[in-house]
Amino acid sequence: MTIRFSGRERWAAAAVGVSLAWLPVATPLALPQLSSALTPAAVAQTNKPVLRIGAIPDQKPEKLNRLYGLVANELSKQLGVEVNYVPVTNYAAAVSAFRTGNLDLVWFGGLTGVQARLQKPGAQVIAQRDIDAKFQSVFIANRRSQLKPISKIDGLKELKGKRFTFGSQSSTSGRLMPQYFLAQAGVKPSQFAGGAPGFSGSHDATVALVQSGAYDAGALNKQVWEANLASGKANKAKVYAIWTTPGYPDYHWIAQPGLDQRFGGGFTNKLRKAILSWRTSNPEQKAIIELFGAEQFTGAKASDYAQIEQVGRQIGKIR
C-alpha cells in the first residue's frame, strides 16, 4: 500500500509537526460536490476509517520509511483496513500526535510510551519485541578521549569533565536510563564539560558525533550501536564501547482507546493478535521483524513500564 493522506489528515499532521515534504501532493476529495457522480458503494468506500500509524524517529528517516511502510502493508492485509504511516519530526511530536488522536497506533520508546499513556487515559499497550523486556544502552567513547572500558558502574565517574552527548531528550535508551545509571555512579549532568551534556537527537547521530570527536563520549541504544558496527559506519579505530548497562523495559506499541468504536467491535484485540502473529517463516513478516532487530513480538502490559515512569519522574521528564 502506498503512503498517502487525505486533505484533512495532511492538515492535522502538519499541526503536530509531521514532516510531509517527501510525500506526493494529493488532491483533496470534495465529497459533497462529487456525491451526485458517485455510487453509494463508492461514497461508502471513501468514508471508511484509516488506521494511522507512527513511530518515534530514533533512526534515519530512510530506514523508518521502509520499515513502517512494510508494517502498514502487513497490517492492512491482515486487518482489512487502509493503513497509512505518518512520519513525525521528533519524539515530542509523536506523543503530541497520539494525544490529539492524529495517530492511532505508535511505536514508542519506554519513556515516550509512558508519557503518551498518561496523557491519553484508556490507551492500550499492544505488544513489545522479545528484546524489549531487558533492553540495554551502551556508552561509547572517541579513541582520543583515552577513556578506558568500564567493568563496574562506578567507572562512569571517569566521564566527569568530558564532552558528553545523549540522544534525544526523550529517549529511554539514549537519555533516560543512561542518566539514571550515571546518577547511580554519582555523576550529574552539570559535571560534564561545559556544565551540561549535548543532545544529538538520535542514536545514529550520537555515533557520528562521538566518532568525529565532537564529543568525547555518549550513550545510545545498544541495538543501533551494533548495527552501526555491522554496517561499518562505526569505525572501531575511532570509536568504541566502554560500558553496557543492565537490562530495563523499553520499546512498545500503544493504541488509541477508541479503535473499537471506529473500526468495529474487537478491533483492538485483532490488532494485537495480528502483531503477535508475525513470524520469520512468512517472507513479508520476516522483513519487518528483521528491521526491528528481533525474533518476534510478545505480549506487554502497562505495569511492565513502572520503573520507566519512576525514573522519568525522578529526572523531571514526567510530572
Protein backbone atom coordinates (compact mmCIF):
# COMPACT_ATOMS: atom_id res chain seq x y z
CA MET A 1 0.00 0.00 0.00
CA THR A 2 1.30 3.42 -0.90
CA ILE A 3 1.60 6.06 1.81
CA ARG A 4 -0.85 8.90 1.13
CA PHE A 5 -3.00 11.31 3.01
CA SER A 6 -6.38 12.97 2.58
CA GLY A 7 -6.58 16.74 2.78
CA ARG A 8 -7.96 16.62 6.31
CA GLU A 9 -5.21 14.24 7.52
CA ARG A 10 -2.45 16.37 5.96
CA TRP A 11 -3.73 19.44 7.84
CA ALA A 12 -3.89 17.55 11.14
CA ALA A 13 -0.45 16.05 10.69
CA ALA A 14 1.11 19.42 9.99
CA ALA A 15 -0.40 20.80 13.17
CA VAL A 16 1.65 18.37 15.28
CA GLY A 17 4.95 18.77 13.48
CA VAL A 18 4.64 15.94 10.97
CA SER A 19 7.11 16.06 8.11
CA LEU A 20 5.29 15.61 4.80
CA ALA A 21 7.71 17.22 2.38
CA TRP A 22 8.67 13.92 0.75
CA LEU A 23 5.08 12.87 0.02
CA PRO A 24 3.38 13.48 -3.35
CA VAL A 25 0.69 16.13 -3.34
CA ALA A 26 -2.79 14.62 -3.32
CA THR A 27 -5.93 16.44 -4.43
CA PRO A 28 -8.37 16.63 -1.51
CA LEU A 29 -11.68 14.89 -2.09
CA ALA A 30 -14.74 17.15 -2.05
CA LEU A 31 -17.43 14.59 -1.34
CA PRO A 32 -20.41 16.99 -1.15
CA GLN A 33 -19.74 18.23 -4.70
CA LEU A 34 -18.96 14.76 -6.08
CA SER A 35 -21.73 12.83 -4.36
CA SER A 36 -24.11 13.01 -7.34
CA ALA A 37 -21.49 11.36 -9.56
CA LEU A 38 -20.57 8.59 -7.12
CA THR A 39 -22.45 5.40 -6.45
CA PRO A 40 -23.47 4.65 -2.84
CA ALA A 41 -20.78 1.97 -2.71
CA ALA A 42 -18.12 4.45 -3.85
CA VAL A 43 -19.19 7.00 -1.27
CA ALA A 44 -19.08 4.33 1.45
CA GLN A 45 -15.58 3.38 0.36
CA THR A 46 -14.31 6.96 0.78
CA ASN A 47 -15.82 7.13 4.28
CA LYS A 48 -14.01 4.09 5.64
CA PRO A 49 -11.72 4.90 8.60
CA VAL A 50 -7.98 4.82 8.04
CA LEU A 51 -5.59 3.41 10.66
CA ARG A 52 -2.77 5.94 11.03
CA ILE A 53 0.46 4.53 12.45
CA GLY A 54 3.60 6.33 13.59
CA ALA A 55 6.86 5.89 15.47
CA ILE A 56 9.41 7.91 17.38
CA PRO A 57 12.11 9.00 14.89
CA ASP A 58 15.01 7.27 16.65
CA GLN A 59 16.87 6.33 13.48
CA LYS A 60 17.45 7.66 9.97
CA PRO A 61 14.27 8.55 8.00
CA GLU A 62 15.04 6.21 5.10
CA LYS A 63 15.05 3.19 7.41
CA LEU A 64 11.91 4.31 9.22
CA ASN A 65 10.06 4.91 5.94
CA ARG A 66 10.95 1.45 4.69
CA LEU A 67 10.11 -0.32 7.97
CA TYR A 68 6.78 1.33 8.67
CA GLY A 69 5.72 1.16 5.05
CA LEU A 70 6.07 -2.62 5.36
CA VAL A 71 4.20 -2.56 8.68
CA ALA A 72 1.36 -0.58 7.08
CA ASN A 73 1.10 -3.07 4.21
CA GLU A 74 1.07 -6.08 6.52
CA LEU A 75 -1.49 -4.67 8.94
CA SER A 76 -3.72 -3.59 6.05
CA LYS A 77 -3.64 -7.10 4.65
CA GLN A 78 -4.32 -8.78 8.00
CA LEU A 79 -6.98 -6.38 9.28
CA GLY A 80 -8.74 -5.49 6.03
CA VAL A 81 -8.48 -1.72 6.56
CA GLU A 82 -6.44 1.04 4.98
CA VAL A 83 -3.26 1.75 6.97
CA ASN A 84 -1.06 4.81 6.47
CA TYR A 85 2.33 5.54 8.02
CA VAL A 86 2.61 9.15 9.19
CA PRO A 87 6.23 10.22 9.92
CA VAL A 88 6.87 12.78 12.66
CA THR A 89 9.75 15.20 13.16
CA ASN A 90 10.72 14.37 16.75
CA TYR A 91 9.83 12.39 19.86
CA ALA A 92 7.59 15.11 21.31
CA ALA A 93 5.61 15.29 18.05
CA ALA A 94 4.85 11.55 18.29
CA VAL A 95 3.47 11.98 21.82
CA SER A 96 1.51 15.07 20.79
CA ALA A 97 0.01 13.36 17.73
CA PHE A 98 -1.12 10.44 19.87
CA ARG A 99 -2.61 12.76 22.49
CA THR A 100 -4.63 14.66 19.89
CA GLY A 101 -5.78 11.47 18.15
CA ASN A 102 -3.91 12.12 14.91
CA LEU A 103 -2.03 8.82 15.29
CA ASP A 104 -3.88 5.61 16.14
CA LEU A 105 -1.01 3.21 16.74
CA VAL A 106 2.51 4.31 17.65
CA TRP A 107 5.83 2.57 18.23
CA PHE A 108 7.08 4.36 21.34
CA GLY A 109 10.16 4.02 23.50
CA GLY A 110 9.67 3.29 27.18
CA LEU A 111 9.57 6.93 28.30
CA THR A 112 7.51 8.32 25.42
CA GLY A 113 5.12 5.39 25.80
CA VAL A 114 4.53 6.23 29.46
CA GLN A 115 4.13 9.91 28.59
CA ALA A 116 1.60 9.08 25.86
CA ARG A 117 -0.49 6.79 28.09
CA LEU A 118 -0.60 9.30 30.93
CA GLN A 119 -1.86 11.95 28.50
CA LYS A 120 -4.45 9.62 26.91
CA PRO A 121 -6.39 7.63 29.55
CA GLY A 122 -7.52 4.27 28.24
CA ALA A 123 -4.66 3.89 25.74
CA GLN A 124 -3.73 0.25 25.25
CA VAL A 125 -0.27 -1.33 25.39
CA ILE A 126 -0.38 -3.75 22.47
CA ALA A 127 2.97 -5.55 22.28
CA GLN A 128 6.74 -5.31 22.63
CA ARG A 129 9.61 -7.14 20.93
CA ASP A 130 11.18 -10.16 22.57
CA ILE A 131 14.27 -8.00 23.24
CA ASP A 132 12.39 -5.15 24.95
CA ALA A 133 11.83 -6.73 28.37
CA LYS A 134 15.57 -6.39 29.08
CA PHE A 135 16.81 -3.75 26.68
CA GLN A 136 20.25 -2.16 27.09
CA SER A 137 22.17 1.03 26.40
CA VAL A 138 25.84 1.29 25.60
CA PHE A 139 28.30 4.05 26.47
CA ILE A 140 30.78 4.79 23.71
CA ALA A 141 33.94 6.91 23.53
CA ASN A 142 36.22 8.51 20.98
CA ARG A 143 39.73 6.99 20.91
CA ARG A 144 41.33 10.36 21.57
CA SER A 145 39.43 10.67 24.85
CA GLN A 146 41.67 7.96 26.34
CA LEU A 147 38.69 6.63 28.30
CA LYS A 148 39.12 3.00 29.29
CA PRO A 149 36.48 0.24 29.26
CA ILE A 150 34.46 0.16 32.47
CA SER A 151 33.82 -3.06 34.39
CA LYS A 152 31.65 -1.59 37.16
CA ILE A 153 29.13 1.23 37.23
CA ASP A 154 31.38 3.35 39.46
CA GLY A 155 33.73 3.65 36.48
CA LEU A 156 31.29 6.11 34.92
CA LYS A 157 32.86 8.73 37.21
CA GLU A 158 35.63 8.95 34.61
CA LEU A 159 33.15 10.81 32.41
CA LYS A 160 33.20 13.87 34.69
CA GLY A 161 34.72 16.79 32.83
CA LYS A 162 34.30 15.09 29.43
CA ARG A 163 32.26 16.34 26.49
CA PHE A 164 29.27 14.00 26.62
CA THR A 165 26.14 13.62 24.50
CA PHE A 166 22.84 11.83 24.97
CA GLY A 167 20.50 11.15 22.04
CA SER A 168 17.02 12.67 22.06
CA GLN A 169 15.98 14.36 25.29
CA SER A 170 13.01 11.97 25.48
CA SER A 171 14.88 8.78 24.52
CA THR A 172 14.71 5.92 27.02
CA SER A 173 17.87 4.16 25.83
CA GLY A 174 19.66 7.31 24.69
CA ARG A 175 18.97 9.56 27.68
CA LEU A 176 16.63 8.39 30.47
CA MET A 177 18.33 5.17 31.54
CA PRO A 178 21.92 6.34 30.80
CA GLN A 179 21.26 9.37 33.01
CA TYR A 180 19.82 7.06 35.68
CA PHE A 181 22.96 4.89 35.67
CA LEU A 182 25.20 7.97 35.68
CA ALA A 183 23.33 9.17 38.78
CA GLN A 184 23.91 5.80 40.41
CA ALA A 185 27.64 6.39 39.90
CA GLY A 186 27.38 9.91 41.34
CA VAL A 187 27.70 11.74 38.03
CA LYS A 188 25.48 14.78 37.50
CA PRO A 189 24.79 16.30 34.04
CA SER A 190 26.29 19.58 35.27
CA GLN A 191 29.64 17.80 35.75
CA PHE A 192 30.23 17.28 32.03
CA ALA A 193 32.46 19.69 30.13
CA GLY A 194 30.63 22.96 29.58
CA GLY A 195 28.34 22.31 32.52
CA ALA A 196 25.79 20.27 30.55
CA PRO A 197 25.50 17.29 28.17
CA GLY A 198 24.67 17.55 24.50
CA PHE A 199 21.59 16.05 22.83
CA SER A 200 22.28 14.61 19.39
CA GLY A 201 18.63 13.92 18.51
CA SER A 202 19.03 10.26 17.53
CA HIS A 203 21.14 7.17 18.17
CA ASP A 204 22.80 7.25 14.74
CA ALA A 205 23.73 10.90 15.30
CA THR A 206 25.32 10.03 18.66
CA VAL A 207 27.62 7.52 16.98
CA ALA A 208 28.58 10.03 14.27
CA LEU A 209 29.28 12.86 16.74
CA VAL A 210 31.41 10.77 19.08
CA GLN A 211 33.27 9.19 16.19
CA SER A 212 34.04 12.64 14.74
CA GLY A 213 35.46 13.84 18.04
CA ALA A 214 32.77 16.49 18.56
CA TYR A 215 32.12 14.69 21.86
CA ASP A 216 34.43 12.51 23.94
CA ALA A 217 31.66 10.07 24.81
CA GLY A 218 27.95 9.38 24.51
CA ALA A 219 25.21 6.87 25.24
CA LEU A 220 22.80 5.14 22.89
CA ASN A 221 20.62 2.15 22.12
CA LYS A 222 22.81 -0.99 22.09
CA GLN A 223 20.93 -2.38 19.10
CA VAL A 224 21.71 0.67 16.98
CA TRP A 225 25.34 0.62 18.10
CA GLU A 226 25.71 -2.99 16.96
CA ALA A 227 24.02 -2.19 13.64
CA ASN A 228 26.48 0.67 13.06
CA LEU A 229 29.36 -1.69 13.77
CA ALA A 230 27.98 -4.33 11.42
CA SER A 231 27.49 -1.82 8.60
CA GLY A 232 30.93 -0.28 9.06
CA LYS A 233 29.51 3.17 9.85
CA ALA A 234 31.09 2.91 13.28
CA ASN A 235 34.86 2.80 12.79
CA LYS A 236 36.44 0.81 15.63
CA ALA A 237 39.67 2.71 15.13
CA LYS A 238 37.88 5.93 16.11
CA VAL A 239 35.00 4.95 18.43
CA TYR A 240 34.49 2.04 20.81
CA ALA A 241 32.16 0.81 23.57
CA ILE A 242 33.24 1.34 27.18
CA TRP A 243 30.23 0.04 29.15
CA THR A 244 26.90 -1.73 28.63
CA THR A 245 24.06 -1.14 31.06
CA PRO A 246 21.92 -3.71 32.88
CA GLY A 247 18.60 -4.50 31.19
CA TYR A 248 15.38 -2.47 31.50
CA PRO A 249 11.97 -2.38 29.71
CA ASP A 250 11.82 -0.22 26.59
CA TYR A 251 10.01 -0.04 23.23
CA HIS A 252 6.36 -0.99 22.73
CA TRP A 253 3.28 -0.46 20.56
CA ILE A 254 0.47 1.67 22.01
CA ALA A 255 -3.03 2.05 20.51
CA GLN A 256 -5.74 4.66 20.94
CA PRO A 257 -8.57 3.78 23.35
CA GLY A 258 -11.39 4.25 20.80
CA LEU A 259 -10.37 1.97 17.95
CA ASP A 260 -13.23 -0.48 18.52
CA GLN A 261 -15.72 2.35 18.08
CA ARG A 262 -14.12 3.47 14.82
CA PHE A 263 -13.28 0.11 13.26
CA GLY A 264 -15.78 -2.23 14.88
CA GLY A 265 -16.04 -4.35 18.00
CA GLY A 266 -12.96 -6.37 18.86
CA PHE A 267 -10.67 -4.43 16.51
CA THR A 268 -8.05 -3.64 19.16
CA ASN A 269 -7.78 -7.32 20.04
CA LYS A 270 -7.50 -8.21 16.34
CA LEU A 271 -4.71 -5.64 16.01
CA ARG A 272 -2.86 -7.13 18.97
CA LYS A 273 -3.23 -10.67 17.61
CA ALA A 274 -2.01 -9.58 14.18
CA ILE A 275 1.24 -8.11 15.53
CA LEU A 276 1.82 -11.05 17.89
CA SER A 277 1.32 -13.46 14.95
CA TRP A 278 4.25 -12.15 12.90
CA ARG A 279 6.85 -14.87 12.25
CA THR A 280 10.04 -15.17 10.25
CA SER A 281 8.51 -18.09 8.31
CA ASN A 282 6.42 -15.51 6.43
CA PRO A 283 8.62 -13.52 3.96
CA GLU A 284 6.85 -10.18 4.43
CA GLN A 285 6.70 -10.52 8.20
CA LYS A 286 10.33 -11.67 8.30
CA ALA A 287 11.42 -8.42 6.63
CA ILE A 288 9.58 -6.42 9.31
CA ILE A 289 10.92 -8.45 12.22
CA GLU A 290 14.48 -8.24 10.93
CA LEU A 291 14.26 -4.46 10.52
CA PHE A 292 13.04 -4.31 14.12
CA GLY A 293 16.10 -6.38 15.10
CA ALA A 294 14.03 -9.01 16.88
CA GLU A 295 12.83 -12.60 16.60
CA GLN A 296 9.15 -11.86 17.24
CA PHE A 297 6.72 -9.64 19.17
CA THR A 298 5.44 -10.64 22.60
CA GLY A 299 2.70 -9.53 24.97
CA ALA A 300 3.18 -6.49 27.19
CA LYS A 301 1.21 -4.51 29.75
CA ALA A 302 1.36 -1.03 31.23
CA SER A 303 2.73 -2.23 34.57
CA ASP A 304 5.85 -3.52 32.79
CA TYR A 305 6.95 0.12 32.48
CA ALA A 306 6.53 1.17 36.11
CA GLN A 307 10.30 1.50 36.52
CA ILE A 308 10.49 3.78 33.48
CA GLU A 309 7.75 6.01 34.90
CA GLN A 310 9.56 6.20 38.24
CA VAL A 311 12.87 7.22 36.64
CA GLY A 312 11.08 9.66 34.34
CA ARG A 313 9.60 11.42 37.35
CA GLN A 314 12.98 11.47 39.09
CA ILE A 315 14.65 13.38 36.26
CA GLY A 316 11.64 15.61 35.54
CA LYS A 317 10.55 14.14 32.21
CA ILE A 318 7.21 13.08 33.72
CA ARG A 319 5.33 15.42 36.04
